[in-house]
Amino acid sequence: MNKKIAMSIILSGSLALGGCAGMGSIGGSMVPGGIYSNSKLPVAGVPGSDSLEGEACAKSILGWVATGDASVSAAMANAGISNVSTIDYKINNVLGIYATYCTVVKGS
């Protein structure tokens, strides 16, 4: 009986902890990093010979205060892009204390 209880606890713990590895972190990163995360993630588009690149960022402090405009339209305006070919994200998070989430748009 004790072996069955021990196996149930081990199996339940493994399932619970295994689920955490698949969760996103602050900013929706698909590459979670509990202590530090610095990721670049593709969103959409077809890479080509793009002449312009625009970036727009939002920042978060302690997960309590967030400011900025990380929209695609802000990134387009920052570089004068009218035709978008690719959209990517850059996410940087340090201990959940300070995080930046940037949208990078390439096009012409």
PDB file of N, CA and C in Angstrom:
ATOM      1  N   MET A   1       0.813  -1.199   0.000  1.00  0.00           N
ATOM      2  CA  MET A   1       0.000   0.000   0.000  1.00  0.00           C
ATOM      3  C   MET A   1       0.857   1.263   0.000  1.00  0.00           C
ATOM      4  N   ASN A   2       1.931   1.272   0.781  1.00  0.00           N
ATOM      5  CA  ASN A   2       2.807   2.438   0.841  1.00  0.00           C
ATOM      6  C   ASN A   2       3.493   2.683  -0.491  1.00  0.00           C
ATOM      7  N   LYS A   3       3.826   1.616  -1.221  1.00  0.00           N
ATOM      8  CA  LYS A   3       4.460   1.774  -2.530  1.00  0.00           C
ATOM      9  C   LYS A   3       3.502   2.439  -3.516  1.00  0.00           C
ATOM     10  N   LYS A   4       2.235   2.074  -3.458  1.00  0.00           N
ATOM     11  CA  LYS A   4       1.247   2.690  -4.352  1.00  0.00           C
ATOM     12  C   LYS A   4       1.091   4.177  -4.054  1.00  0.00           C
ATOM     13  N   ILE A   5       1.069   4.537  -2.788  1.00  0.00           N
ATOM     14  CA  ILE A   5       0.948   5.946  -2.410  1.00  0.00           C
ATOM     15  C   ILE A   5       2.186   6.717  -2.862  1.00  0.00           C
ATOM     16  N   ALA A   6       3.362   6.136  -2.634  1.00  0.00           N
ATOM     17  CA  ALA A   6       4.609   6.793  -3.035  1.00  0.00           C
ATOM     18  C   ALA A   6       4.664   6.975  -4.548  1.00  0.00           C
ATOM     19  N   MET A   7       4.276   5.961  -5.302  1.00  0.00           N
ATOM     20  CA  MET A   7       4.271   6.063  -6.763  1.00  0.00           C
ATOM     21  C   MET A   7       3.262   7.113  -7.237  1.00  0.00           C
ATOM     22  N   SER A   8       2.111   7.187  -6.578  1.00  0.00           N
ATOM     23  CA  SER A   8       1.113   8.195  -6.938  1.00  0.00           C
ATOM     24  C   SER A   8       1.648   9.598  -6.703  1.00  0.00           C
ATOM     25  N   ILE A   9       2.340   9.803  -5.592  1.00  0.00           N
ATOM     26  CA  ILE A   9       2.909  11.113  -5.285  1.00  0.00           C
ATOM     27  C   ILE A   9       3.992  11.474  -6.299  1.00  0.00           C
ATOM     28  N   ILE A  10       4.846  10.539  -6.621  1.00  0.00           N
ATOM     29  CA  ILE A  10       5.920  10.784  -7.596  1.00  0.00           C
ATOM     30  C   ILE A  10       5.331  11.093  -8.969  1.00  0.00           C
ATOM     31  N   LEU A  11       4.364  10.317  -9.405  1.00  0.00           N
ATOM     32  CA  LEU A  11       3.728  10.550 -10.703  1.00  0.00           C
ATOM     33  C   LEU A  11       3.013  11.898 -10.754  1.00  0.00           C
ATOM     34  N   SER A  12       2.277  12.232  -9.709  1.00  0.00           N
ATOM     35  CA  SER A  12       1.571  13.523  -9.657  1.00  0.00           C
ATOM     36  C   SER A  12       2.555  14.685  -9.671  1.00  0.00           C
ATOM     37  N   GLY A  13       3.640  14.564  -8.914  1.00  0.00           N
ATOM     38  CA  GLY A  13       4.658  15.612  -8.885  1.00  0.00           C
ATOM     39  C   GLY A  13       5.332  15.776 -10.229  1.00  0.00           C
ATOM     40  N   SER A  14       5.617  14.660 -10.898  1.00  0.00           N
ATOM     41  CA  SER A  14       6.248  14.729 -12.215  1.00  0.00           C
ATOM     42  C   SER A  14       5.351  15.408 -13.229  1.00  0.00           C
ATOM     43  N   LEU A  15       4.082  15.090 -13.212  1.00  0.00           N
ATOM     44  CA  LEU A  15       3.135  15.715 -14.137  1.00  0.00           C
ATOM     45  C   LEU A  15       2.985  17.207 -13.854  1.00  0.00           C
ATOM     46  N   ALA A  16       2.942  17.561 -12.585  1.00  0.00           N
ATOM     47  CA  ALA A  16       2.775  18.970 -12.219  1.00  0.00           C
ATOM     48  C   ALA A  16       3.998  19.780 -12.621  1.00  0.00           C
ATOM     49  N   LEU A  17       5.189  19.275 -12.342  1.00  0.00           N
ATOM     50  CA  LEU A  17       6.409  20.003 -12.680  1.00  0.00           C
ATOM     51  C   LEU A  17       6.664  19.996 -14.179  1.00  0.00           C
ATOM     52  N   GLY A  18       6.307  18.935 -14.854  1.00  0.00           N
ATOM     53  CA  GLY A  18       6.497  18.864 -16.300  1.00  0.00           C
ATOM     54  C   GLY A  18       5.654  19.885 -17.037  1.00  0.00           C
ATOM     55  N   GLY A  19       4.486  20.221 -16.503  1.00  0.00           N
ATOM     56  CA  GLY A  19       3.627  21.221 -17.118  1.00  0.00           C
ATOM     57  C   GLY A  19       4.244  22.613 -17.087  1.00  0.00           C
ATOM     58  N   CYS A  20       5.054  22.902 -16.080  1.00  0.00           N
ATOM     59  CA  CYS A  20       5.677  24.220 -15.962  1.00  0.00           C
ATOM     60  C   CYS A  20       6.664  24.475 -17.092  1.00  0.00           C
ATOM     61  N   ALA A  21       7.305  23.452 -17.587  1.00  0.00           N
ATOM     62  CA  ALA A  21       8.309  23.634 -18.633  1.00  0.00           C
ATOM     63  C   ALA A  21       7.691  24.114 -19.932  1.00  0.00           C
ATOM     64  N   GLY A  22       6.418  23.866 -20.142  1.00  0.00           N
ATOM     65  CA  GLY A  22       5.773  24.273 -21.373  1.00  0.00           C
ATOM     66  C   GLY A  22       5.108  25.636 -21.303  1.00  0.00           C
ATOM     67  N   MET A  23       5.110  26.253 -20.132  1.00  0.00           N
ATOM     68  CA  MET A  23       4.431  27.529 -19.977  1.00  0.00           C
ATOM     69  C   MET A  23       5.300  28.671 -20.473  1.00  0.00           C
ATOM     70  N   GLY A  24       4.676  29.713 -20.975  1.00  0.00           N
ATOM     71  CA  GLY A  24       5.396  30.912 -21.369  1.00  0.00           C
ATOM     72  C   GLY A  24       5.727  31.747 -20.153  1.00  0.00           C
ATOM     73  N   SER A  25       6.702  32.646 -20.292  1.00  0.00           N
ATOM     74  CA  SER A  25       7.050  33.539 -19.203  1.00  0.00           C
ATOM     75  C   SER A  25       6.521  34.924 -19.499  1.00  0.00           C
ATOM     76  N   ILE A  26       6.954  35.903 -18.757  1.00  0.00           N
ATOM     77  CA  ILE A  26       6.492  37.277 -18.948  1.00  0.00           C
ATOM     78  C   ILE A  26       6.706  37.685 -20.391  1.00  0.00           C
ATOM     79  N   GLY A  27       5.710  38.263 -20.980  1.00  0.00           N
ATOM     80  CA  GLY A  27       5.803  38.682 -22.369  1.00  0.00           C
ATOM     81  C   GLY A  27       5.398  37.601 -23.344  1.00  0.00           C
ATOM     82  N   GLY A  28       4.969  36.444 -22.836  1.00  0.00           N
ATOM     83  CA  GLY A  28       4.505  35.401 -23.726  1.00  0.00           C
ATOM     84  C   GLY A  28       5.607  34.632 -24.411  1.00  0.00           C
ATOM     85  N   SER A  29       6.792  34.685 -23.907  1.00  0.00           N
ATOM     86  CA  SER A  29       7.908  33.984 -24.524  1.00  0.00           C
ATOM     87  C   SER A  29       7.655  32.495 -24.542  1.00  0.00           C
ATOM     88  N   MET A  30       7.899  31.842 -25.665  1.00  0.00           N
ATOM     89  CA  MET A  30       7.771  30.398 -25.747  1.00  0.00           C
ATOM     90  C   MET A  30       9.030  29.713 -25.252  1.00  0.00           C
ATOM     91  N   VAL A  31      10.012  30.498 -24.831  1.00  0.00           N
ATOM     92  CA  VAL A  31      11.247  29.970 -24.261  1.00  0.00           C
ATOM     93  C   VAL A  31      11.335  30.516 -22.841  1.00  0.00           C
ATOM     94  N   PRO A  32      10.706  29.819 -21.875  1.00  0.00           N
ATOM     95  CA  PRO A  32      10.654  30.362 -20.526  1.00  0.00           C
ATOM     96  C   PRO A  32      12.022  30.387 -19.859  1.00  0.00           C
ATOM     97  N   GLY A  33      12.252  31.404 -19.083  1.00  0.00           N
ATOM     98  CA  GLY A  33      13.459  31.517 -18.288  1.00  0.00           C
ATOM     99  C   GLY A  33      13.087  32.163 -16.968  1.00  0.00           C
ATOM    100  N   GLY A  34      13.069  31.402 -15.900  1.00  0.00           N
ATOM    101  CA  GLY A  34      12.645  31.916 -14.613  1.00  0.00           C
ATOM    102  C   GLY A  34      13.578  32.965 -14.044  1.00  0.00           C
ATOM    103  N   ILE A  35      14.866  32.849 -14.344  1.00  0.00           N
ATOM    104  CA  ILE A  35      15.842  33.808 -13.840  1.00  0.00           C
ATOM    105  C   ILE A  35      16.181  34.837 -14.901  1.00  0.00           C
ATOM    106  N   TYR A  36      16.430  34.381 -16.117  1.00  0.00           N
ATOM    107  CA  TYR A  36      16.813  35.293 -17.197  1.00  0.00           C
ATOM    108  C   TYR A  36      16.318  34.737 -18.522  1.00  0.00           C
ATOM    109  N   SER A  37      15.775  35.608 -19.350  1.00  0.00           N
ATOM    110  CA  SER A  37      15.334  35.212 -20.676  1.00  0.00           C
ATOM    111  C   SER A  37      15.718  36.300 -21.665  1.00  0.00           C
ATOM    112  N   ASN A  38      16.315  35.908 -22.771  1.00  0.00           N
ATOM    113  CA  ASN A  38      16.663  36.827 -23.851  1.00  0.00           C
ATOM    114  C   ASN A  38      16.401  36.066 -25.142  1.00  0.00           C
ATOM    115  N   SER A  39      15.220  36.271 -25.723  1.00  0.00           N
ATOM    116  CA  SER A  39      14.778  35.459 -26.850  1.00  0.00           C
ATOM    117  C   SER A  39      14.376  36.312 -28.039  1.00  0.00           C
ATOM    118  N   LYS A  40      14.544  35.739 -29.220  1.00  0.00           N
ATOM    119  CA  LYS A  40      14.017  36.313 -30.459  1.00  0.00           C
ATOM    120  C   LYS A  40      13.065  35.280 -31.033  1.00  0.00           C
ATOM    121  N   LEU A  41      11.851  35.706 -31.336  1.00  0.00           N
ATOM    122  CA  LEU A  41      10.833  34.775 -31.795  1.00  0.00           C
ATOM    123  C   LEU A  41      10.218  35.229 -33.111  1.00  0.00           C
ATOM    124  N   PRO A  42      10.083  34.331 -34.080  1.00  0.00           N
ATOM    125  CA  PRO A  42       9.440  34.690 -35.344  1.00  0.00           C
ATOM    126  C   PRO A  42       7.927  34.739 -35.173  1.00  0.00           C
ATOM    127  N   VAL A  43       7.296  35.624 -35.935  1.00  0.00           N
ATOM    128  CA  VAL A  43       5.837  35.711 -35.884  1.00  0.00           C
ATOM    129  C   VAL A  43       5.259  35.412 -37.254  1.00  0.00           C
ATOM    130  N   ALA A  44       5.607  36.237 -38.237  1.00  0.00           N
ATOM    131  CA  ALA A  44       5.003  36.062 -39.555  1.00  0.00           C
ATOM    132  C   ALA A  44       5.884  36.664 -40.629  1.00  0.00           C
ATOM    133  N   GLY A  45       5.672  36.197 -41.848  1.00  0.00           N
ATOM    134  CA  GLY A  45       6.341  36.802 -42.983  1.00  0.00           C
ATOM    135  C   GLY A  45       7.324  35.888 -43.668  1.00  0.00           C
ATOM    136  N   VAL A  46       7.857  36.405 -44.761  1.00  0.00           N
ATOM    137  CA  VAL A  46       8.847  35.689 -45.554  1.00  0.00           C
ATOM    138  C   VAL A  46      10.091  36.561 -45.639  1.00  0.00           C
ATOM    139  N   PRO A  47      11.220  36.098 -45.077  1.00  0.00           N
ATOM    140  CA  PRO A  47      12.440  36.906 -45.148  1.00  0.00           C
ATOM    141  C   PRO A  47      12.845  37.174 -46.588  1.00  0.00           C
ATOM    142  N   GLY A  48      13.321  38.363 -46.814  1.00  0.00           N
ATOM    143  CA  GLY A  48      13.760  38.745 -48.151  1.00  0.00           C
ATOM    144  C   GLY A  48      14.852  39.791 -48.047  1.00  0.00           C
ATOM    145  N   SER A  49      15.066  40.512 -49.112  1.00  0.00           N
ATOM    146  CA  SER A  49      16.066  41.566 -49.100  1.00  0.00           C
ATOM    147  C   SER A  49      15.389  42.859 -48.657  1.00  0.00           C
ATOM    148  N   ASP A  50      15.207  42.974 -47.352  1.00  0.00           N
ATOM    149  CA  ASP A  50      14.521  44.124 -46.785  1.00  0.00           C
ATOM    150  C   ASP A  50      15.508  45.263 -46.578  1.00  0.00           C
ATOM    151  N   SER A  51      15.096  46.453 -46.979  1.00  0.00           N
ATOM    152  CA  SER A  51      15.987  47.596 -46.850  1.00  0.00           C
ATOM    153  C   SER A  51      15.780  48.346 -45.543  1.00  0.00           C
ATOM    154  N   LEU A  52      14.647  48.143 -44.871  1.00  0.00           N
ATOM    155  CA  LEU A  52      14.347  48.888 -43.651  1.00  0.00           C
ATOM    156  C   LEU A  52      13.988  47.950 -42.502  1.00  0.00           C
ATOM    157  N   GLU A  53      14.335  48.392 -41.286  1.00  0.00           N
ATOM    158  CA  GLU A  53      13.987  47.626 -40.085  1.00  0.00           C
ATOM    159  C   GLU A  53      13.554  48.598 -39.000  1.00  0.00           C
ATOM    160  N   GLY A  54      12.372  48.391 -38.457  1.00  0.00           N
ATOM    161  CA  GLY A  54      11.857  49.242 -37.392  1.00  0.00           C
ATOM    162  C   GLY A  54      11.593  48.439 -36.142  1.00  0.00           C
ATOM    163  N   GLU A  55      11.755  49.088 -34.989  1.00  0.00           N
ATOM    164  CA  GLU A  55      11.566  48.413 -33.714  1.00  0.00           C
ATOM    165  C   GLU A  55      10.739  49.298 -32.792  1.00  0.00           C
ATOM    166  N   ALA A  56       9.817  48.700 -32.063  1.00  0.00           N
ATOM    167  CA  ALA A  56       9.003  49.401 -31.072  1.00  0.00           C
ATOM    168  C   ALA A  56       8.951  48.540 -29.820  1.00  0.00           C
ATOM    169  N   CYS A  57       9.139  49.155 -28.639  1.00  0.00           N
ATOM    170  CA  CYS A  57       9.267  48.376 -27.401  1.00  0.00           C
ATOM    171  C   CYS A  57       8.329  48.855 -26.297  1.00  0.00           C
ATOM    172  N   ALA A  58       7.994  47.919 -25.425  1.00  0.00           N
ATOM    173  CA  ALA A  58       7.283  48.204 -24.178  1.00  0.00           C
ATOM    174  C   ALA A  58       8.138  47.640 -23.050  1.00  0.00           C
ATOM    175  N   LYS A  59       8.061  48.270 -21.876  1.00  0.00           N
ATOM    176  CA  LYS A  59       8.876  47.860 -20.728  1.00  0.00           C
ATOM    177  C   LYS A  59       7.977  47.595 -19.528  1.00  0.00           C
ATOM    178  N   SER A  60       8.427  46.680 -18.677  1.00  0.00           N
ATOM    179  CA  SER A  60       7.681  46.334 -17.473  1.00  0.00           C
ATOM    180  C   SER A  60       8.628  46.327 -16.276  1.00  0.00           C
ATOM    181  N   ILE A  61       8.155  46.882 -15.167  1.00  0.00           N
ATOM    182  CA  ILE A  61       8.934  46.871 -13.930  1.00  0.00           C
ATOM    183  C   ILE A  61       8.135  46.118 -12.875  1.00  0.00           C
ATOM    184  N   LEU A  62       8.722  45.050 -12.367  1.00  0.00           N
ATOM    185  CA  LEU A  62       8.120  44.190 -11.347  1.00  0.00           C
ATOM    186  C   LEU A  62       6.792  43.574 -11.760  1.00  0.00           C
ATOM    187  N   GLY A  63       6.453  43.667 -13.032  1.00  0.00           N
ATOM    188  CA  GLY A  63       5.167  43.162 -13.472  1.00  0.00           C
ATOM    189  C   GLY A  63       4.015  44.023 -12.981  1.00  0.00           C
ATOM    190  N   TRP A  64       4.331  45.143 -12.341  1.00  0.00           N
ATOM    191  CA  TRP A  64       3.302  46.034 -11.802  1.00  0.00           C
ATOM    192  C   TRP A  64       3.053  47.223 -12.710  1.00  0.00           C
ATOM    193  N   VAL A  65       4.127  47.760 -13.312  1.00  0.00           N
ATOM    194  CA  VAL A  65       4.026  48.944 -14.152  1.00  0.00           C
ATOM    195  C   VAL A  65       4.550  48.604 -15.534  1.00  0.00           C
ATOM    196  N   ALA A  66       3.764  48.858 -16.546  1.00  0.00           N
ATOM    197  CA  ALA A  66       4.185  48.602 -17.924  1.00  0.00           C
ATOM    198  C   ALA A  66       3.897  49.828 -18.773  1.00  0.00           C
ATOM    199  N   THR A  67       4.888  50.226 -19.581  1.00  0.00           N
ATOM    200  CA  THR A  67       4.711  51.382 -20.459  1.00  0.00           C
ATOM    201  C   THR A  67       5.304  51.078 -21.819  1.00  0.00           C
ATOM    202  N   GLY A  68       4.861  51.815 -22.809  1.00  0.00           N
ATOM    203  CA  GLY A  68       5.433  51.690 -24.141  1.00  0.00           C
ATOM    204  C   GLY A  68       4.425  51.234 -25.168  1.00  0.00           C
ATOM    205  N   ASP A  69       4.849  51.306 -26.410  1.00  0.00           N
ATOM    206  CA  ASP A  69       4.024  50.903 -27.545  1.00  0.00           C
ATOM    207  C   ASP A  69       4.828  49.927 -28.392  1.00  0.00           C
ATOM    208  N   ALA A  70       4.529  48.659 -28.276  1.00  0.00           N
ATOM    209  CA  ALA A  70       5.252  47.625 -29.028  1.00  0.00           C
ATOM    210  C   ALA A  70       4.425  47.133 -30.208  1.00  0.00           C
ATOM    211  N   SER A  71       3.592  47.996 -30.753  1.00  0.00           N
ATOM    212  CA  SER A  71       2.719  47.589 -31.851  1.00  0.00           C
ATOM    213  C   SER A  71       3.474  47.541 -33.177  1.00  0.00           C
ATOM    214  N   VAL A  72       2.925  46.806 -34.113  1.00  0.00           N
ATOM    215  CA  VAL A  72       3.497  46.707 -35.453  1.00  0.00           C
ATOM    216  C   VAL A  72       3.465  48.081 -36.122  1.00  0.00           C
ATOM    217  N   SER A  73       2.374  48.816 -35.939  1.00  0.00           N
ATOM    218  CA  SER A  73       2.278  50.139 -36.573  1.00  0.00           C
ATOM    219  C   SER A  73       3.321  51.106 -36.030  1.00  0.00           C
ATOM    220  N   ALA A  74       3.654  51.022 -34.744  1.00  0.00           N
ATOM    221  CA  ALA A  74       4.698  51.888 -34.182  1.00  0.00           C
ATOM    222  C   ALA A  74       6.064  51.515 -34.747  1.00  0.00           C
ATOM    223  N   ALA A  75       6.333  50.228 -34.894  1.00  0.00           N
ATOM    224  CA  ALA A  75       7.606  49.788 -35.471  1.00  0.00           C
ATOM    225  C   ALA A  75       7.715  50.216 -36.930  1.00  0.00           C
ATOM    226  N   MET A  76       6.612  50.133 -37.670  1.00  0.00           N
ATOM    227  CA  MET A  76       6.598  50.572 -39.068  1.00  0.00           C
ATOM    228  C   MET A  76       6.879  52.073 -39.155  1.00  0.00           C
ATOM    229  N   ALA A  77       6.225  52.845 -38.301  1.00  0.00           N
ATOM    230  CA  ALA A  77       6.392  54.301 -38.320  1.00  0.00           C
ATOM    231  C   ALA A  77       7.824  54.699 -37.950  1.00  0.00           C
ATOM    232  N   ASN A  78       8.446  53.969 -37.016  1.00  0.00           N
ATOM    233  CA  ASN A  78       9.810  54.292 -36.585  1.00  0.00           C
ATOM    234  C   ASN A  78      10.828  54.163 -37.716  1.00  0.00           C
ATOM    235  N   ALA A  79      10.544  53.325 -38.717  1.00  0.00           N
ATOM    236  CA  ALA A  79      11.486  53.128 -39.822  1.00  0.00           C
ATOM    237  C   ALA A  79      10.942  53.609 -41.162  1.00  0.00           C
ATOM    238  N   GLY A  80       9.717  54.106 -41.185  1.00  0.00           N
ATOM    239  CA  GLY A  80       9.124  54.551 -42.441  1.00  0.00           C
ATOM    240  C   GLY A  80       8.785  53.403 -43.375  1.00  0.00           C
ATOM    241  N   ILE A  81       8.348  52.302 -42.823  1.00  0.00           N
ATOM    242  CA  ILE A  81       8.011  51.110 -43.616  1.00  0.00           C
ATOM    243  C   ILE A  81       6.547  51.177 -44.049  1.00  0.00           C
ATOM    244  N   SER A  82       6.309  50.900 -45.321  1.00  0.00           N
ATOM    245  CA  SER A  82       4.929  50.852 -45.806  1.00  0.00           C
ATOM    246  C   SER A  82       4.521  49.439 -46.223  1.00  0.00           C
ATOM    247  N   ASN A  83       5.481  48.603 -46.591  1.00  0.00           N
ATOM    248  CA  ASN A  83       5.214  47.209 -46.966  1.00  0.00           C
ATOM    249  C   ASN A  83       5.998  46.287 -46.042  1.00  0.00           C
ATOM    250  N   VAL A  84       5.291  45.533 -45.212  1.00  0.00           N
ATOM    251  CA  VAL A  84       5.918  44.645 -44.230  1.00  0.00           C
ATOM    252  C   VAL A  84       6.205  43.287 -44.848  1.00  0.00           C
ATOM    253  N   SER A  85       7.433  42.769 -44.624  1.00  0.00           N
ATOM    254  CA  SER A  85       7.747  41.419 -45.082  1.00  0.00           C
ATOM    255  C   SER A  85       7.884  40.445 -43.913  1.00  0.00           C
ATOM    256  N   THR A  86       8.422  40.898 -42.776  1.00  0.00           N
ATOM    257  CA  THR A  86       8.529  40.002 -41.616  1.00  0.00           C
ATOM    258  C   THR A  86       8.228  40.764 -40.332  1.00  0.00           C
ATOM    259  N   ILE A  87       7.727  40.015 -39.348  1.00  0.00           N
ATOM    260  CA  ILE A  87       7.489  40.533 -38.005  1.00  0.00           C
ATOM    261  C   ILE A  87       8.099  39.546 -37.024  1.00  0.00           C
ATOM    262  N   ASP A  88       8.945  40.043 -36.138  1.00  0.00           N
ATOM    263  CA  ASP A  88       9.573  39.220 -35.108  1.00  0.00           C
ATOM    264  C   ASP A  88       9.415  39.910 -33.758  1.00  0.00           C
ATOM    265  N   TYR A  89       9.624  39.146 -32.676  1.00  0.00           N
ATOM    266  CA  TYR A  89       9.599  39.697 -31.323  1.00  0.00           C
ATOM    267  C   TYR A  89      10.928  39.453 -30.648  1.00  0.00           C
ATOM    268  N   LYS A  90      11.326  40.390 -29.804  1.00  0.00           N
ATOM    269  CA  LYS A  90      12.496  40.228 -28.943  1.00  0.00           C
ATOM    270  C   LYS A  90      12.021  40.410 -27.507  1.00  0.00           C
ATOM    271  N   ILE A  91      12.359  39.463 -26.661  1.00  0.00           N
ATOM    272  CA  ILE A  91      11.917  39.504 -25.275  1.00  0.00           C
ATOM    273  C   ILE A  91      13.134  39.377 -24.373  1.00  0.00           C
ATOM    274  N   ASN A  92      13.223  40.269 -23.396  1.00  0.00           N
ATOM    275  CA  ASN A  92      14.318  40.245 -22.438  1.00  0.00           C
ATOM    276  C   ASN A  92      13.704  40.389 -21.051  1.00  0.00           C
ATOM    277  N   ASN A  93      13.995  39.440 -20.160  1.00  0.00           N
ATOM    278  CA  ASN A  93      13.406  39.429 -18.833  1.00  0.00           C
ATOM    279  C   ASN A  93      14.468  39.046 -17.814  1.00  0.00           C
ATOM    280  N   VAL A  94      14.623  39.868 -16.772  1.00  0.00           N
ATOM    281  CA  VAL A  94      15.576  39.575 -15.705  1.00  0.00           C
ATOM    282  C   VAL A  94      14.806  39.429 -14.399  1.00  0.00           C
ATOM    283  N   LEU A  95      14.676  38.198 -13.934  1.00  0.00           N
ATOM    284  CA  LEU A  95      14.036  37.862 -12.658  1.00  0.00           C
ATOM    285  C   LEU A  95      12.606  38.391 -12.511  1.00  0.00           C
ATOM    286  N   GLY A  96      11.970  38.753 -13.596  1.00  0.00           N
ATOM    287  CA  GLY A  96      10.644  39.337 -13.507  1.00  0.00           C
ATOM    288  C   GLY A  96      10.659  40.743 -12.933  1.00  0.00           C
ATOM    289  N   ILE A  97      11.865  41.268 -12.672  1.00  0.00           N
ATOM    290  CA  ILE A  97      11.998  42.615 -12.123  1.00  0.00           C
ATOM    291  C   ILE A  97      11.925  43.645 -13.238  1.00  0.00           C
ATOM    292  N   TYR A  98      12.641  43.389 -14.315  1.00  0.00           N
ATOM    293  CA  TYR A  98      12.668  44.314 -15.446  1.00  0.00           C
ATOM    294  C   TYR A  98      12.552  43.501 -16.730  1.00  0.00           C
ATOM    295  N   ALA A  99      11.633  43.890 -17.583  1.00  0.00           N
ATOM    296  CA  ALA A  99      11.429  43.162 -18.835  1.00  0.00           C
ATOM    297  C   ALA A  99      11.175  44.136 -19.975  1.00  0.00           C
ATOM    298  N   THR A 100      11.659  43.779 -21.162  1.00  0.00           N
ATOM    299  CA  THR A 100      11.335  44.527 -22.371  1.00  0.00           C
ATOM    300  C   THR A 100      10.755  43.563 -23.391  1.00  0.00           C
ATOM    301  N   TYR A 101       9.785  44.052 -24.140  1.00  0.00           N
ATOM    302  CA  TYR A 101       9.110  43.267 -25.175  1.00  0.00           C
ATOM    303  C   TYR A 101       9.103  44.141 -26.420  1.00  0.00           C
ATOM    304  N   CYS A 102       9.831  43.741 -27.455  1.00  0.00           N
ATOM    305  CA  CYS A 102       9.968  44.565 -28.665  1.00  0.00           C
ATOM    306  C   CYS A 102       9.419  43.839 -29.891  1.00  0.00           C
ATOM    307  N   THR A 103       8.782  44.604 -30.752  1.00  0.00           N
ATOM    308  CA  THR A 103       8.324  44.116 -32.042  1.00  0.00           C
ATOM    309  C   THR A 103       9.290  44.651 -33.091  1.00  0.00           C
ATOM    310  N   VAL A 104       9.824  43.749 -33.908  1.00  0.00           N
ATOM    311  CA  VAL A 104      10.774  44.127 -34.960  1.00  0.00           C
ATOM    312  C   VAL A 104      10.106  43.848 -36.305  1.00  0.00           C
ATOM    313  N   VAL A 105      10.001  44.894 -37.116  1.00  0.00           N
ATOM    314  CA  VAL A 105       9.359  44.782 -38.425  1.00  0.00           C
ATOM    315  C   VAL A 105      10.384  45.078 -39.502  1.00  0.00           C
ATOM    316  N   LYS A 106      10.424  44.228 -40.534  1.00  0.00           N
ATOM    317  CA  LYS A 106      11.298  44.457 -41.676  1.00  0.00           C
ATOM    318  C   LYS A 106      10.442  44.624 -42.924  1.00  0.00           C
ATOM    319  N   GLY A 107      10.894  45.483 -43.808  1.00  0.00           N
ATOM    320  CA  GLY A 107      10.134  45.708 -45.030  1.00  0.00           C
ATOM    321  C   GLY A 107      10.724  46.829 -45.844  1.00  0.00           C
ATOM    322  N   SER A 108       9.908  47.399 -46.706  1.00  0.00           N
ATOM    323  CA  SER A 108      10.370  48.491 -47.564  1.00  0.00           C
ATOM    324  C   SER A 108       9.363  49.620 -47.570  1.00  0.00           C
TER     325      SER A 108
END
